[in-house]
PDB file of N, CA and C in Angstrom:
ATOM      1  N   MET A   1      14.489 -13.749   6.442  1.00  0.00           N
ATOM      2  CA  MET A   1      14.240 -13.792   4.740  1.00  0.00           C
ATOM      3  C   MET A   1      14.659 -12.288   5.135  1.00  0.00           C
ATOM      4  N   LYS A   2      14.713 -12.192   3.431  1.00  0.00           N
ATOM      5  CA  LYS A   2      15.232 -10.974   2.732  1.00  0.00           C
ATOM      6  C   LYS A   2      14.261 -10.362   1.552  1.00  0.00           C
ATOM      7  N   ARG A   3      14.020  -9.272   1.852  1.00  0.00           N
ATOM      8  CA  ARG A   3      13.259  -8.717   1.037  1.00  0.00           C
ATOM      9  C   ARG A   3      13.158  -8.263   0.118  1.00  0.00           C
ATOM     10  N   VAL A   4      12.411  -9.111  -1.220  1.00  0.00           N
ATOM     11  CA  VAL A   4      12.942  -8.391  -2.750  1.00  0.00           C
ATOM     12  C   VAL A   4      11.344  -7.429  -2.741  1.00  0.00           C
ATOM     13  N   THR A   5      11.997  -6.056  -3.283  1.00  0.00           N
ATOM     14  CA  THR A   5      11.157  -5.320  -4.258  1.00  0.00           C
ATOM     15  C   THR A   5      11.643  -5.021  -5.213  1.00  0.00           C
ATOM     16  N   VAL A   6      10.591  -5.415  -6.832  1.00  0.00           N
ATOM     17  CA  VAL A   6      10.781  -5.060  -7.386  1.00  0.00           C
ATOM     18  C   VAL A   6       9.730  -3.989  -8.579  1.00  0.00           C
ATOM     19  N   THR A   7       9.815  -2.816  -8.881  1.00  0.00           N
ATOM     20  CA  THR A   7       8.817  -1.421  -9.247  1.00  0.00           C
ATOM     21  C   THR A   7       8.354  -2.314 -10.429  1.00  0.00           C
ATOM     22  N   ALA A   8       7.353  -2.207 -11.217  1.00  0.00           N
ATOM     23  CA  ALA A   8       7.026  -2.156 -12.700  1.00  0.00           C
ATOM     24  C   ALA A   8       8.146  -1.895 -13.464  1.00  0.00           C
ATOM     25  N   GLU A   9       8.840  -0.047 -13.004  1.00  0.00           N
ATOM     26  CA  GLU A   9       9.776   0.524 -14.126  1.00  0.00           C
ATOM     27  C   GLU A   9      10.946  -0.144 -14.132  1.00  0.00           C
ATOM     28  N   GLN A  10      11.262  -1.175 -12.799  1.00  0.00           N
ATOM     29  CA  GLN A  10      12.498  -2.513 -12.637  1.00  0.00           C
ATOM     30  C   GLN A  10      12.327  -4.240 -13.388  1.00  0.00           C
ATOM     31  N   CYS A  11      10.834  -3.644 -13.866  1.00  0.00           N
ATOM     32  CA  CYS A  11      11.272  -5.060 -14.749  1.00  0.00           C
ATOM     33  C   CYS A  11      11.093  -4.727 -16.427  1.00  0.00           C
ATOM     34  N   PRO A  12      12.122  -5.993 -16.287  1.00  0.00           N
ATOM     35  CA  PRO A  12      12.472  -5.723 -17.907  1.00  0.00           C
ATOM     36  C   PRO A  12      10.937  -6.194 -19.030  1.00  0.00           C
ATOM     37  N   ARG A  13       9.917  -7.189 -18.296  1.00  0.00           N
ATOM     38  CA  ARG A  13       9.392  -7.453 -19.079  1.00  0.00           C
ATOM     39  C   ARG A  13       8.137  -6.674 -19.420  1.00  0.00           C
ATOM     40  N   ILE A  14       8.124  -5.198 -18.963  1.00  0.00           N
ATOM     41  CA  ILE A  14       7.087  -4.194 -18.740  1.00  0.00           C
ATOM     42  C   ILE A  14       7.977  -3.013 -19.880  1.00  0.00           C
ATOM     43  N   SER A  15       7.380  -2.384 -20.443  1.00  0.00           N
ATOM     44  CA  SER A  15       8.063  -1.812 -21.568  1.00  0.00           C
ATOM     45  C   SER A  15       7.058  -0.341 -21.109  1.00  0.00           C
ATOM     46  N   LYS A  16       8.290   0.512 -21.398  1.00  0.00           N
ATOM     47  CA  LYS A  16       8.107   2.191 -20.179  1.00  0.00           C
ATOM     48  C   LYS A  16       7.437   2.750 -21.414  1.00  0.00           C
ATOM     49  N   ALA A  17       6.796   2.503 -22.977  1.00  0.00           N
ATOM     50  CA  ALA A  17       5.764   2.566 -23.849  1.00  0.00           C
ATOM     51  C   ALA A  17       4.542   2.223 -23.266  1.00  0.00           C
ATOM     52  N   PHE A  18       4.307   1.291 -22.712  1.00  0.00           N
ATOM     53  CA  PHE A  18       3.502   0.262 -21.428  1.00  0.00           C
ATOM     54  C   PHE A  18       3.376   1.641 -20.575  1.00  0.00           C
ATOM     55  N   LEU A  19       4.083   1.825 -19.916  1.00  0.00           N
ATOM     56  CA  LEU A  19       4.123   2.524 -17.994  1.00  0.00           C
ATOM     57  C   LEU A  19       3.843   4.272 -18.672  1.00  0.00           C
ATOM     58  N   GLU A  20       4.458   4.268 -19.602  1.00  0.00           N
ATOM     59  CA  GLU A  20       3.792   5.798 -20.222  1.00  0.00           C
ATOM     60  C   GLU A  20       2.692   5.824 -20.309  1.00  0.00           C
ATOM     61  N   GLU A  21       1.250   4.993 -20.928  1.00  0.00           N
ATOM     62  CA  GLU A  21       0.492   5.125 -21.366  1.00  0.00           C
ATOM     63  C   GLU A  21      -0.232   4.514 -19.273  1.00  0.00           C
ATOM     64  N   ARG A  22       0.320   3.805 -19.287  1.00  0.00           N
ATOM     65  CA  ARG A  22      -0.390   4.039 -17.398  1.00  0.00           C
ATOM     66  C   ARG A  22      -0.420   4.859 -16.816  1.00  0.00           C
ATOM     67  N   LYS A  23       0.299   5.829 -17.101  1.00  0.00           N
ATOM     68  CA  LYS A  23       0.594   6.910 -15.993  1.00  0.00           C
ATOM     69  C   LYS A  23      -1.090   7.603 -16.487  1.00  0.00           C
ATOM     70  N   SER A  24      -1.844   7.375 -17.522  1.00  0.00           N
ATOM     71  CA  SER A  24      -3.295   8.242 -17.510  1.00  0.00           C
ATOM     72  C   SER A  24      -4.033   8.304 -16.529  1.00  0.00           C
ATOM     73  N   ILE A  25      -3.286   7.058 -15.957  1.00  0.00           N
ATOM     74  CA  ILE A  25      -4.677   6.722 -14.180  1.00  0.00           C
ATOM     75  C   ILE A  25      -4.706   7.294 -13.322  1.00  0.00           C
ATOM     76  N   GLY A  26      -3.477   8.468 -13.218  1.00  0.00           N
ATOM     77  CA  GLY A  26      -2.915   9.678 -12.438  1.00  0.00           C
ATOM     78  C   GLY A  26      -2.120   9.015 -11.476  1.00  0.00           C
ATOM     79  N   GLU A  27      -1.441   9.245 -10.889  1.00  0.00           N
ATOM     80  CA  GLU A  27      -0.493   9.327 -10.170  1.00  0.00           C
ATOM     81  C   GLU A  27      -0.321   8.902  -8.511  1.00  0.00           C
ATOM     82  N   TRP A  28      -1.589   8.699  -8.113  1.00  0.00           N
ATOM     83  CA  TRP A  28      -1.374   7.867  -7.277  1.00  0.00           C
ATOM     84  C   TRP A  28      -2.055   6.144  -7.450  1.00  0.00           C
ATOM     85  N   TRP A  29      -2.911   6.670  -8.703  1.00  0.00           N
ATOM     86  CA  TRP A  29      -2.863   4.819  -8.986  1.00  0.00           C
ATOM     87  C   TRP A  29      -2.264   3.737  -9.658  1.00  0.00           C
ATOM     88  N   PHE A  30      -0.988   5.352 -10.894  1.00  0.00           N
ATOM     89  CA  PHE A  30      -0.221   4.625 -10.589  1.00  0.00           C
ATOM     90  C   PHE A  30       0.845   4.182  -9.882  1.00  0.00           C
ATOM     91  N   ARG A  31       1.437   5.145  -8.505  1.00  0.00           N
ATOM     92  CA  ARG A  31       2.138   4.441  -7.232  1.00  0.00           C
ATOM     93  C   ARG A  31       1.765   2.922  -7.350  1.00  0.00           C
ATOM     94  N   GLN A  32       0.396   3.108  -6.748  1.00  0.00           N
ATOM     95  CA  GLN A  32      -0.404   1.786  -6.006  1.00  0.00           C
ATOM     96  C   GLN A  32      -0.324   0.241  -7.117  1.00  0.00           C
ATOM     97  N   GLU A  33      -0.616   0.491  -8.379  1.00  0.00           N
ATOM     98  CA  GLU A  33      -0.218  -0.376  -8.732  1.00  0.00           C
ATOM     99  C   GLU A  33       0.713  -0.571  -9.571  1.00  0.00           C
ATOM    100  N   TYR A  34       1.347  -0.153  -9.658  1.00  0.00           N
ATOM    101  CA  TYR A  34       3.021   0.109 -10.786  1.00  0.00           C
ATOM    102  C   TYR A  34       4.485   0.092  -9.899  1.00  0.00           C
ATOM    103  N   GLY A  35       4.756   0.943  -8.798  1.00  0.00           N
ATOM    104  CA  GLY A  35       5.294   1.260  -7.936  1.00  0.00           C
ATOM    105  C   GLY A  35       5.697   0.377  -6.706  1.00  0.00           C
ATOM    106  N   TYR A  36       4.556  -0.745  -6.362  1.00  0.00           N
ATOM    107  CA  TYR A  36       4.273  -0.943  -5.294  1.00  0.00           C
ATOM    108  C   TYR A  36       4.791   0.250  -3.483  1.00  0.00           C
ATOM    109  N   GLU A  37       3.566   0.445  -4.129  1.00  0.00           N
ATOM    110  CA  GLU A  37       3.124   2.096  -3.053  1.00  0.00           C
ATOM    111  C   GLU A  37       2.064   1.113  -2.162  1.00  0.00           C
ATOM    112  N   PHE A  38       1.693   0.862  -1.081  1.00  0.00           N
ATOM    113  CA  PHE A  38       0.469   0.906  -0.011  1.00  0.00           C
ATOM    114  C   PHE A  38       0.111   2.279  -0.050  1.00  0.00           C
ATOM    115  N   MET A  39      -1.072   3.066  -0.727  1.00  0.00           N
ATOM    116  CA  MET A  39      -1.143   4.155  -0.059  1.00  0.00           C
ATOM    117  C   MET A  39      -2.249   4.147   0.849  1.00  0.00           C
ATOM    118  N   GLU A  40      -2.295   4.609   1.608  1.00  0.00           N
ATOM    119  CA  GLU A  40      -4.031   5.486   2.056  1.00  0.00           C
ATOM    120  C   GLU A  40      -4.883   6.120   1.323  1.00  0.00           C
ATOM    121  N   ILE A  41      -5.927   5.766   1.511  1.00  0.00           N
ATOM    122  CA  ILE A  41      -7.502   6.653  -0.016  1.00  0.00           C
ATOM    123  C   ILE A  41      -7.542   8.179   1.128  1.00  0.00           C
ATOM    124  N   VAL A  42      -7.222   9.128   0.064  1.00  0.00           N
ATOM    125  CA  VAL A  42      -7.524  10.342   0.361  1.00  0.00           C
ATOM    126  C   VAL A  42      -9.499  10.301   1.779  1.00  0.00           C
ATOM    127  N   ASP A  43     -10.091   9.562   0.903  1.00  0.00           N
ATOM    128  CA  ASP A  43     -11.243   9.821   1.829  1.00  0.00           C
ATOM    129  C   ASP A  43     -11.455   8.438   2.736  1.00  0.00           C
ATOM    130  N   ALA A  44     -10.767   8.110   3.080  1.00  0.00           N
ATOM    131  CA  ALA A  44     -10.699   7.233   4.281  1.00  0.00           C
ATOM    132  C   ALA A  44     -11.376   7.931   5.544  1.00  0.00           C
ATOM    133  N   VAL A  45     -12.065   6.886   6.533  1.00  0.00           N
ATOM    134  CA  VAL A  45     -12.786   7.818   7.409  1.00  0.00           C
ATOM    135  C   VAL A  45     -11.725   8.101   8.983  1.00  0.00           C
ATOM    136  N   PHE A  46     -10.756   6.755   8.850  1.00  0.00           N
ATOM    137  CA  PHE A  46      -9.618   6.902   9.980  1.00  0.00           C
ATOM    138  C   PHE A  46      -8.289   6.676   8.234  1.00  0.00           C
ATOM    139  N   THR A  47      -7.754   6.764   9.449  1.00  0.00           N
ATOM    140  CA  THR A  47      -5.816   6.834   8.802  1.00  0.00           C
ATOM    141  C   THR A  47      -5.231   5.496   9.457  1.00  0.00           C
ATOM    142  N   TYR A  48      -4.471   5.244   8.689  1.00  0.00           N
ATOM    143  CA  TYR A  48      -3.695   4.114   9.039  1.00  0.00           C
ATOM    144  C   TYR A  48      -3.061   4.362  10.922  1.00  0.00           C
ATOM    145  N   ASP A  49      -2.329   5.298  10.924  1.00  0.00           N
ATOM    146  CA  ASP A  49      -2.058   5.913  12.740  1.00  0.00           C
ATOM    147  C   ASP A  49      -3.083   5.942  13.321  1.00  0.00           C
ATOM    148  N   MET A  50      -4.367   6.441  12.825  1.00  0.00           N
ATOM    149  CA  MET A  50      -5.394   6.401  14.080  1.00  0.00           C
ATOM    150  C   MET A  50      -5.858   5.366  14.385  1.00  0.00           C
ATOM    151  N   VAL A  51      -5.940   4.490  13.425  1.00  0.00           N
ATOM    152  CA  VAL A  51      -5.985   2.679  13.906  1.00  0.00           C
ATOM    153  C   VAL A  51      -4.967   2.203  15.084  1.00  0.00           C
ATOM    154  N   ALA A  52      -3.675   2.576  14.144  1.00  0.00           N
ATOM    155  CA  ALA A  52      -2.795   1.814  14.659  1.00  0.00           C
ATOM    156  C   ALA A  52      -2.467   2.227  16.166  1.00  0.00           C
ATOM    157  N   ALA A  53      -2.957   3.486  16.566  1.00  0.00           N
ATOM    158  CA  ALA A  53      -2.783   4.510  18.119  1.00  0.00           C
ATOM    159  C   ALA A  53      -3.919   3.342  18.801  1.00  0.00           C
ATOM    160  N   SER A  54      -4.967   2.908  18.460  1.00  0.00           N
ATOM    161  CA  SER A  54      -6.486   2.408  18.736  1.00  0.00           C
ATOM    162  C   SER A  54      -6.069   1.244  19.113  1.00  0.00           C
ATOM    163  N   MET A  55      -4.771   0.027  19.052  1.00  0.00           N
ATOM    164  CA  MET A  55      -4.171  -0.891  19.538  1.00  0.00           C
ATOM    165  C   MET A  55      -3.147  -0.900  20.469  1.00  0.00           C
ATOM    166  N   SER A  56      -3.683  -2.019  21.347  1.00  0.00           N
ATOM    167  CA  SER A  56      -2.576  -2.075  22.587  1.00  0.00           C
ATOM    168  C   SER A  56      -2.202  -3.208  23.101  1.00  0.00           C
ATOM    169  N   ASP A  57      -1.040  -3.852  23.513  1.00  0.00           N
ATOM    170  CA  ASP A  57      -1.327  -4.881  24.361  1.00  0.00           C
ATOM    171  C   ASP A  57      -1.424  -4.441  25.399  1.00  0.00           C
ATOM    172  N   GLU A  58      -1.786  -3.707  26.032  1.00  0.00           N
ATOM    173  CA  GLU A  58      -1.521  -3.531  27.841  1.00  0.00           C
ATOM    174  C   GLU A  58      -3.111  -3.302  28.034  1.00  0.00           C
ATOM    175  N   ILE A  59      -3.771  -3.474  27.044  1.00  0.00           N
ATOM    176  CA  ILE A  59      -5.376  -3.485  27.617  1.00  0.00           C
ATOM    177  C   ILE A  59      -5.723  -5.316  27.587  1.00  0.00           C
ATOM    178  N   LYS A  60      -6.190  -5.617  28.655  1.00  0.00           N
ATOM    179  CA  LYS A  60      -6.747  -7.085  28.585  1.00  0.00           C
ATOM    180  C   LYS A  60      -8.402  -7.242  27.815  1.00  0.00           C
ATOM    181  N   PRO A  61      -8.395  -8.041  26.111  1.00  0.00           N
ATOM    182  CA  PRO A  61      -9.577  -8.299  26.073  1.00  0.00           C
ATOM    183  C   PRO A  61     -10.930  -8.519  26.437  1.00  0.00           C
ATOM    184  N   LEU A  62     -11.728  -8.215  26.393  1.00  0.00           N
ATOM    185  CA  LEU A  62     -13.414  -8.415  27.328  1.00  0.00           C
ATOM    186  C   LEU A  62     -13.661  -9.738  27.165  1.00  0.00           C
ATOM    187  N   PHE A  63     -13.390 -10.211  26.893  1.00  0.00           N
ATOM    188  CA  PHE A  63     -13.723 -12.166  26.591  1.00  0.00           C
ATOM    189  C   PHE A  63     -12.455 -13.107  25.860  1.00  0.00           C
ATOM    190  N   GLU A  64     -12.269 -14.248  26.282  1.00  0.00           N
ATOM    191  CA  GLU A  64     -11.400 -14.888  25.838  1.00  0.00           C
ATOM    192  C   GLU A  64     -11.858 -15.114  24.045  1.00  0.00           C
ATOM    193  N   MET A  65     -10.754 -14.992  23.109  1.00  0.00           N
ATOM    194  CA  MET A  65     -10.868 -15.747  21.721  1.00  0.00           C
ATOM    195  C   MET A  65     -10.168 -17.440  22.017  1.00  0.00           C
ATOM    196  N   MET A  66     -11.944 -18.087  21.463  1.00  0.00           N
ATOM    197  CA  MET A  66     -11.600 -19.530  21.269  1.00  0.00           C
ATOM    198  C   MET A  66     -10.841 -20.017  20.310  1.00  0.00           C
TER     199      MET A  66
END
């Protein structure tokens, strides 16, 4: 399956004026909402890398899942 990514700036139905107005929400929010970027929040307790590092297929679960 081929993955297709289209940002708001690449969509012909969304005007450049609309996007310029939306930039007033700040770069981080704009990229998250209109740039097809999913970023970590700055005040998160755990980063994505920390959570990913905590998982392992080598450790057996304490009990079986049903």
